[in-house]
Amino acid sequence: MTELSAGELARALGSLQPKERKACAQCGEEFVGVLRAKYCSQLCINAAYRERNREELNRKRREKYRRLMGEGHHDR
């Protein structure tokens, strides 16, 4: 008998889940996915995350910029 790795087992079990045709919540592209799938690809998952968390991501980016500028990393 062959032993499966955790990833192989997860993929095998995932292939048994019922699938349906649906539209991606981010780009609208039609795809076939398991019942709980909302997005057609990892790119759309990432884009949706960035949209949902835009303010928080921008706040962190501003803080990082201010920290760097406060440390004297100026071009001039």
PDB file of N, CA and C in Angstrom:
ATOM      1  N   MET A   1       0.837  -1.184   0.000  1.00  0.00           N
ATOM      2  CA  MET A   1       0.000   0.000   0.000  1.00  0.00           C
ATOM      3  C   MET A   1       0.885   1.252   0.000  1.00  0.00           C
ATOM      4  N   THR A   2       0.485   2.271  -0.756  1.00  0.00           N
ATOM      5  CA  THR A   2       1.260   3.500  -0.884  1.00  0.00           C
ATOM      6  C   THR A   2       0.792   4.530   0.127  1.00  0.00           C
ATOM      7  N   GLU A   3       1.746   5.212   0.756  1.00  0.00           N
ATOM      8  CA  GLU A   3       1.391   6.285   1.676  1.00  0.00           C
ATOM      9  C   GLU A   3       1.378   7.603   0.917  1.00  0.00           C
ATOM     10  N   LEU A   4       0.374   8.428   1.187  1.00  0.00           N
ATOM     11  CA  LEU A   4       0.247   9.733   0.550  1.00  0.00           C
ATOM     12  C   LEU A   4       0.747  10.817   1.499  1.00  0.00           C
ATOM     13  N   SER A   5       1.369  11.834   0.921  1.00  0.00           N
ATOM     14  CA  SER A   5       1.754  12.981   1.746  1.00  0.00           C
ATOM     15  C   SER A   5       0.484  13.763   2.083  1.00  0.00           C
ATOM     16  N   ALA A   6       0.586  14.683   3.017  1.00  0.00           N
ATOM     17  CA  ALA A   6      -0.570  15.479   3.422  1.00  0.00           C
ATOM     18  C   ALA A   6      -1.122  16.270   2.233  1.00  0.00           C
ATOM     19  N   GLY A   7      -0.232  16.839   1.411  1.00  0.00           N
ATOM     20  CA  GLY A   7      -0.666  17.610   0.247  1.00  0.00           C
ATOM     21  C   GLY A   7      -1.373  16.751  -0.780  1.00  0.00           C
ATOM     22  N   GLU A   8      -0.825  15.563  -1.014  1.00  0.00           N
ATOM     23  CA  GLU A   8      -1.450  14.648  -1.981  1.00  0.00           C
ATOM     24  C   GLU A   8      -2.827  14.205  -1.488  1.00  0.00           C
ATOM     25  N   LEU A   9      -2.944  13.949  -0.208  1.00  0.00           N
ATOM     26  CA  LEU A   9      -4.214  13.549   0.371  1.00  0.00           C
ATOM     27  C   LEU A   9      -5.240  14.674   0.256  1.00  0.00           C
ATOM     28  N   ALA A  10      -4.817  15.899   0.543  1.00  0.00           N
ATOM     29  CA  ALA A  10      -5.721  17.050   0.450  1.00  0.00           C
ATOM     30  C   ALA A  10      -6.206  17.244  -0.985  1.00  0.00           C
ATOM     31  N   ARG A  11      -5.288  17.107  -1.955  1.00  0.00           N
ATOM     32  CA  ARG A  11      -5.690  17.244  -3.359  1.00  0.00           C
ATOM     33  C   ARG A  11      -6.657  16.142  -3.766  1.00  0.00           C
ATOM     34  N   ALA A  12      -6.406  14.921  -3.306  1.00  0.00           N
ATOM     35  CA  ALA A  12      -7.276  13.796  -3.642  1.00  0.00           C
ATOM     36  C   ALA A  12      -8.677  14.011  -3.063  1.00  0.00           C
ATOM     37  N   LEU A  13      -8.742  14.451  -1.812  1.00  0.00           N
ATOM     38  CA  LEU A  13     -10.043  14.701  -1.199  1.00  0.00           C
ATOM     39  C   LEU A  13     -10.752  15.882  -1.863  1.00  0.00           C
ATOM     40  N   GLY A  14      -9.996  16.912  -2.231  1.00  0.00           N
ATOM     41  CA  GLY A  14     -10.578  18.071  -2.902  1.00  0.00           C
ATOM     42  C   GLY A  14     -11.184  17.717  -4.241  1.00  0.00           C
ATOM     43  N   SER A  15     -10.594  16.755  -4.925  1.00  0.00           N
ATOM     44  CA  SER A  15     -11.118  16.375  -6.238  1.00  0.00           C
ATOM     45  C   SER A  15     -12.452  15.658  -6.123  1.00  0.00           C
ATOM     46  N   LEU A  16     -12.784  15.186  -4.934  1.00  0.00           N
ATOM     47  CA  LEU A  16     -14.058  14.498  -4.725  1.00  0.00           C
ATOM     48  C   LEU A  16     -15.194  15.463  -4.416  1.00  0.00           C
ATOM     49  N   GLN A  17     -14.874  16.709  -4.077  1.00  0.00           N
ATOM     50  CA  GLN A  17     -15.909  17.688  -3.741  1.00  0.00           C
ATOM     51  C   GLN A  17     -16.717  18.046  -4.976  1.00  0.00           C
ATOM     52  N   PRO A  18     -18.031  18.271  -4.807  1.00  0.00           N
ATOM     53  CA  PRO A  18     -18.851  18.676  -5.953  1.00  0.00           C
ATOM     54  C   PRO A  18     -18.402  20.042  -6.463  1.00  0.00           C
ATOM     55  N   LYS A  19     -18.447  20.210  -7.753  1.00  0.00           N
ATOM     56  CA  LYS A  19     -18.027  21.459  -8.374  1.00  0.00           C
ATOM     57  C   LYS A  19     -19.190  22.053  -9.151  1.00  0.00           C
ATOM     58  N   GLU A  20     -19.126  23.358  -9.374  1.00  0.00           N
ATOM     59  CA  GLU A  20     -20.157  24.031 -10.154  1.00  0.00           C
ATOM     60  C   GLU A  20     -19.551  25.177 -10.948  1.00  0.00           C
ATOM     61  N   ARG A  21     -20.239  25.578 -11.986  1.00  0.00           N
ATOM     62  CA  ARG A  21     -19.838  26.707 -12.816  1.00  0.00           C
ATOM     63  C   ARG A  21     -20.293  27.979 -12.115  1.00  0.00           C
ATOM     64  N   LYS A  22     -19.398  28.959 -12.005  1.00  0.00           N
ATOM     65  CA  LYS A  22     -19.750  30.215 -11.337  1.00  0.00           C
ATOM     66  C   LYS A  22     -18.915  31.353 -11.889  1.00  0.00           C
ATOM     67  N   ALA A  23     -19.258  32.568 -11.494  1.00  0.00           N
ATOM     68  CA  ALA A  23     -18.521  33.765 -11.910  1.00  0.00           C
ATOM     69  C   ALA A  23     -17.624  34.208 -10.768  1.00  0.00           C
ATOM     70  N   CYS A  24     -16.398  34.591 -11.088  1.00  0.00           N
ATOM     71  CA  CYS A  24     -15.438  35.077 -10.106  1.00  0.00           C
ATOM     72  C   CYS A  24     -15.960  36.371  -9.482  1.00  0.00           C
ATOM     73  N   ALA A  25     -15.902  36.456  -8.160  1.00  0.00           N
ATOM     74  CA  ALA A  25     -16.379  37.641  -7.444  1.00  0.00           C
ATOM     75  C   ALA A  25     -15.515  38.872  -7.710  1.00  0.00           C
ATOM     76  N   GLN A  26     -14.296  38.688  -8.200  1.00  0.00           N
ATOM     77  CA  GLN A  26     -13.391  39.809  -8.450  1.00  0.00           C
ATOM     78  C   GLN A  26     -13.445  40.280  -9.899  1.00  0.00           C
ATOM     79  N   CYS A  27     -13.222  39.362 -10.843  1.00  0.00           N
ATOM     80  CA  CYS A  27     -13.101  39.773 -12.241  1.00  0.00           C
ATOM     81  C   CYS A  27     -14.312  39.410 -13.094  1.00  0.00           C
ATOM     82  N   GLY A  28     -15.192  38.561 -12.574  1.00  0.00           N
ATOM     83  CA  GLY A  28     -16.379  38.178 -13.322  1.00  0.00           C
ATOM     84  C   GLY A  28     -16.170  37.026 -14.294  1.00  0.00           C
ATOM     85  N   GLU A  29     -14.936  36.556 -14.414  1.00  0.00           N
ATOM     86  CA  GLU A  29     -14.619  35.432 -15.310  1.00  0.00           C
ATOM     87  C   GLU A  29     -15.356  34.179 -14.844  1.00  0.00           C
ATOM     88  N   GLU A  30     -15.887  33.414 -15.788  1.00  0.00           N
ATOM     89  CA  GLU A  30     -16.559  32.167 -15.440  1.00  0.00           C
ATOM     90  C   GLU A  30     -15.519  31.083 -15.193  1.00  0.00           C
ATOM     91  N   PHE A  31     -15.737  30.265 -14.136  1.00  0.00           N
ATOM     92  CA  PHE A  31     -14.818  29.179 -13.824  1.00  0.00           C
ATOM     93  C   PHE A  31     -15.592  28.043 -13.174  1.00  0.00           C
ATOM     94  N   VAL A  32     -14.977  26.878 -13.113  1.00  0.00           N
ATOM     95  CA  VAL A  32     -15.565  25.732 -12.432  1.00  0.00           C
ATOM     96  C   VAL A  32     -14.807  25.545 -11.132  1.00  0.00           C
ATOM     97  N   GLY A  33     -15.536  25.559 -10.018  1.00  0.00           N
ATOM     98  CA  GLY A  33     -14.881  25.428  -8.727  1.00  0.00           C
ATOM     99  C   GLY A  33     -15.755  24.715  -7.726  1.00  0.00           C
ATOM    100  N   VAL A  34     -15.161  24.378  -6.583  1.00  0.00           N
ATOM    101  CA  VAL A  34     -15.926  23.749  -5.515  1.00  0.00           C
ATOM    102  C   VAL A  34     -16.974  24.738  -5.019  1.00  0.00           C
ATOM    103  N   LEU A  35     -17.954  24.251  -4.303  1.00  0.00           N
ATOM    104  CA  LEU A  35     -19.097  25.069  -3.912  1.00  0.00           C
ATOM    105  C   LEU A  35     -18.713  26.332  -3.152  1.00  0.00           C
ATOM    106  N   ARG A  36     -17.666  26.267  -2.321  1.00  0.00           N
ATOM    107  CA  ARG A  36     -17.307  27.439  -1.522  1.00  0.00           C
ATOM    108  C   ARG A  36     -16.346  28.402  -2.230  1.00  0.00           C
ATOM    109  N   ALA A  37     -15.855  28.046  -3.407  1.00  0.00           N
ATOM    110  CA  ALA A  37     -14.914  28.910  -4.140  1.00  0.00           C
ATOM    111  C   ALA A  37     -15.601  30.201  -4.580  1.00  0.00           C
ATOM    112  N   LYS A  38     -14.900  31.322  -4.420  1.00  0.00           N
ATOM    113  CA  LYS A  38     -15.441  32.616  -4.836  1.00  0.00           C
ATOM    114  C   LYS A  38     -14.621  33.251  -5.958  1.00  0.00           C
ATOM    115  N   TYR A  39     -13.365  32.836  -6.087  1.00  0.00           N
ATOM    116  CA  TYR A  39     -12.453  33.474  -7.024  1.00  0.00           C
ATOM    117  C   TYR A  39     -11.879  32.444  -7.992  1.00  0.00           C
ATOM    118  N   CYS A  40     -11.534  32.901  -9.194  1.00  0.00           N
ATOM    119  CA  CYS A  40     -11.043  31.996 -10.236  1.00  0.00           C
ATOM    120  C   CYS A  40      -9.552  31.708 -10.114  1.00  0.00           C
ATOM    121  N   SER A  41      -8.789  32.551  -9.416  1.00  0.00           N
ATOM    122  CA  SER A  41      -7.342  32.372  -9.355  1.00  0.00           C
ATOM    123  C   SER A  41      -6.772  33.047  -8.111  1.00  0.00           C
ATOM    124  N   GLN A  42      -5.507  32.749  -7.842  1.00  0.00           N
ATOM    125  CA  GLN A  42      -4.819  33.390  -6.717  1.00  0.00           C
ATOM    126  C   GLN A  42      -4.679  34.892  -6.964  1.00  0.00           C
ATOM    127  N   LEU A  43      -4.523  35.305  -8.218  1.00  0.00           N
ATOM    128  CA  LEU A  43      -4.435  36.736  -8.529  1.00  0.00           C
ATOM    129  C   LEU A  43      -5.700  37.469  -8.090  1.00  0.00           C
ATOM    130  N   CYS A  44      -6.864  36.870  -8.359  1.00  0.00           N
ATOM    131  CA  CYS A  44      -8.123  37.503  -7.956  1.00  0.00           C
ATOM    132  C   CYS A  44      -8.303  37.480  -6.443  1.00  0.00           C
ATOM    133  N   ILE A  45      -7.855  36.416  -5.787  1.00  0.00           N
ATOM    134  CA  ILE A  45      -7.910  36.354  -4.324  1.00  0.00           C
ATOM    135  C   ILE A  45      -7.088  37.496  -3.745  1.00  0.00           C
ATOM    136  N   ASN A  46      -5.867  37.695  -4.274  1.00  0.00           N
ATOM    137  CA  ASN A  46      -4.981  38.762  -3.781  1.00  0.00           C
ATOM    138  C   ASN A  46      -5.574  40.136  -4.049  1.00  0.00           C
ATOM    139  N   ALA A  47      -6.125  40.352  -5.233  1.00  0.00           N
ATOM    140  CA  ALA A  47      -6.710  41.652  -5.578  1.00  0.00           C
ATOM    141  C   ALA A  47      -7.884  41.968  -4.666  1.00  0.00           C
ATOM    142  N   ALA A  48      -8.725  40.985  -4.396  1.00  0.00           N
ATOM    143  CA  ALA A  48      -9.875  41.197  -3.513  1.00  0.00           C
ATOM    144  C   ALA A  48      -9.405  41.533  -2.101  1.00  0.00           C
ATOM    145  N   TYR A  49      -8.364  40.856  -1.627  1.00  0.00           N
ATOM    146  CA  TYR A  49      -7.814  41.144  -0.303  1.00  0.00           C
ATOM    147  C   TYR A  49      -7.323  42.595  -0.239  1.00  0.00           C
ATOM    148  N   ARG A  50      -6.582  43.008  -1.277  1.00  0.00           N
ATOM    149  CA  ARG A  50      -6.070  44.385  -1.284  1.00  0.00           C
ATOM    150  C   ARG A  50      -7.209  45.400  -1.289  1.00  0.00           C
ATOM    151  N   GLU A  51      -8.288  45.114  -2.011  1.00  0.00           N
ATOM    152  CA  GLU A  51      -9.431  46.039  -2.017  1.00  0.00           C
ATOM    153  C   GLU A  51     -10.102  46.093  -0.654  1.00  0.00           C
ATOM    154  N   ARG A  52     -10.302  44.921  -0.032  1.00  0.00           N
ATOM    155  CA  ARG A  52     -10.975  44.886   1.269  1.00  0.00           C
ATOM    156  C   ARG A  52     -10.146  45.556   2.351  1.00  0.00           C
ATOM    157  N   ASN A  53      -8.830  45.517   2.228  1.00  0.00           N
ATOM    158  CA  ASN A  53      -7.937  46.006   3.283  1.00  0.00           C
ATOM    159  C   ASN A  53      -7.124  47.220   2.848  1.00  0.00           C
ATOM    160  N   ARG A  54      -7.607  47.955   1.877  1.00  0.00           N
ATOM    161  CA  ARG A  54      -6.854  49.074   1.302  1.00  0.00           C
ATOM    162  C   ARG A  54      -6.398  50.082   2.343  1.00  0.00           C
ATOM    163  N   GLU A  55      -7.296  50.518   3.212  1.00  0.00           N
ATOM    164  CA  GLU A  55      -6.934  51.546   4.205  1.00  0.00           C
ATOM    165  C   GLU A  55      -5.831  51.058   5.143  1.00  0.00           C
ATOM    166  N   GLU A  56      -5.962  49.831   5.628  1.00  0.00           N
ATOM    167  CA  GLU A  56      -4.959  49.274   6.546  1.00  0.00           C
ATOM    168  C   GLU A  56      -3.608  49.118   5.851  1.00  0.00           C
ATOM    169  N   LEU A  57      -3.617  48.630   4.612  1.00  0.00           N
ATOM    170  CA  LEU A  57      -2.366  48.456   3.865  1.00  0.00           C
ATOM    171  C   LEU A  57      -1.704  49.804   3.595  1.00  0.00           C
ATOM    172  N   ASN A  58      -2.498  50.821   3.247  1.00  0.00           N
ATOM    173  CA  ASN A  58      -1.946  52.156   3.012  1.00  0.00           C
ATOM    174  C   ASN A  58      -1.374  52.746   4.295  1.00  0.00           C
ATOM    175  N   ARG A  59      -2.070  52.527   5.427  1.00  0.00           N
ATOM    176  CA  ARG A  59      -1.579  53.034   6.712  1.00  0.00           C
ATOM    177  C   ARG A  59      -0.220  52.424   7.036  1.00  0.00           C
ATOM    178  N   LYS A  60      -0.089  51.107   6.851  1.00  0.00           N
ATOM    179  CA  LYS A  60       1.187  50.439   7.120  1.00  0.00           C
ATOM    180  C   LYS A  60       2.279  50.940   6.185  1.00  0.00           C
ATOM    181  N   ARG A  61       1.933  51.174   4.924  1.00  0.00           N
ATOM    182  CA  ARG A  61       2.914  51.668   3.959  1.00  0.00           C
ATOM    183  C   ARG A  61       3.393  53.059   4.349  1.00  0.00           C
ATOM    184  N   ARG A  62       2.452  53.930   4.794  1.00  0.00           N
ATOM    185  CA  ARG A  62       2.830  55.274   5.229  1.00  0.00           C
ATOM    186  C   ARG A  62       3.739  55.225   6.453  1.00  0.00           C
ATOM    187  N   GLU A  63       3.408  54.350   7.415  1.00  0.00           N
ATOM    188  CA  GLU A  63       4.237  54.222   8.613  1.00  0.00           C
ATOM    189  C   GLU A  63       5.649  53.773   8.260  1.00  0.00           C
ATOM    190  N   LYS A  64       5.751  52.815   7.363  1.00  0.00           N
ATOM    191  CA  LYS A  64       7.066  52.328   6.954  1.00  0.00           C
ATOM    192  C   LYS A  64       7.862  53.448   6.277  1.00  0.00           C
ATOM    193  N   TYR A  65       7.203  54.207   5.409  1.00  0.00           N
ATOM    194  CA  TYR A  65       7.859  55.324   4.726  1.00  0.00           C
ATOM    195  C   TYR A  65       8.347  56.357   5.741  1.00  0.00           C
ATOM    196  N   ARG A  66       7.487  56.698   6.697  1.00  0.00           N
ATOM    197  CA  ARG A  66       7.868  57.699   7.708  1.00  0.00           C
ATOM    198  C   ARG A  66       9.034  57.217   8.559  1.00  0.00           C
ATOM    199  N   ARG A  67       9.027  55.917   8.903  1.00  0.00           N
ATOM    200  CA  ARG A  67      10.143  55.354   9.679  1.00  0.00           C
ATOM    201  C   ARG A  67      11.444  55.474   8.893  1.00  0.00           C
ATOM    202  N   LEU A  68      11.388  55.120   7.609  1.00  0.00           N
ATOM    203  CA  LEU A  68      12.597  55.191   6.788  1.00  0.00           C
ATOM    204  C   LEU A  68      13.075  56.629   6.635  1.00  0.00           C
ATOM    205  N   MET A  69      12.165  57.557   6.416  1.00  0.00           N
ATOM    206  CA  MET A  69      12.545  58.960   6.231  1.00  0.00           C
ATOM    207  C   MET A  69      13.044  59.559   7.549  1.00  0.00           C
ATOM    208  N   GLY A  70      12.521  59.073   8.647  1.00  0.00           N
ATOM    209  CA  GLY A  70      12.944  59.572   9.957  1.00  0.00           C
ATOM    210  C   GLY A  70      14.338  59.097  10.324  1.00  0.00           C
ATOM    211  N   GLU A  71      14.820  58.056   9.683  1.00  0.00           N
ATOM    212  CA  GLU A  71      16.144  57.519   9.968  1.00  0.00           C
ATOM    213  C   GLU A  71      17.234  58.200   9.141  1.00  0.00           C
ATOM    214  N   GLY A  72      16.859  59.200   8.359  1.00  0.00           N
ATOM    215  CA  GLY A  72      17.852  59.954   7.619  1.00  0.00           C
ATOM    216  C   GLY A  72      18.225  59.355   6.281  1.00  0.00           C
ATOM    217  N   HIS A  73      17.369  58.556   5.691  1.00  0.00           N
ATOM    218  CA  HIS A  73      17.630  57.991   4.366  1.00  0.00           C
ATOM    219  C   HIS A  73      17.089  58.934   3.291  1.00  0.00           C
ATOM    220  N   HIS A  74      17.673  60.101   3.212  1.00  0.00           N
ATOM    221  CA  HIS A  74      17.226  61.092   2.235  1.00  0.00           C
ATOM    222  C   HIS A  74      18.158  61.085   1.033  1.00  0.00           C
ATOM    223  N   ASP A  75      17.615  61.411  -0.127  1.00  0.00           N
ATOM    224  CA  ASP A  75      18.428  61.486  -1.346  1.00  0.00           C
ATOM    225  C   ASP A  75      19.231  62.785  -1.391  1.00  0.00           C
ATOM    226  N   ARG A  76      18.780  63.786  -0.717  1.00  0.00           N
ATOM    227  CA  ARG A  76      19.434  65.092  -0.798  1.00  0.00           C
ATOM    228  C   ARG A  76      20.186  65.421   0.446  1.00  0.00           C
TER     229      ARG A  76
END
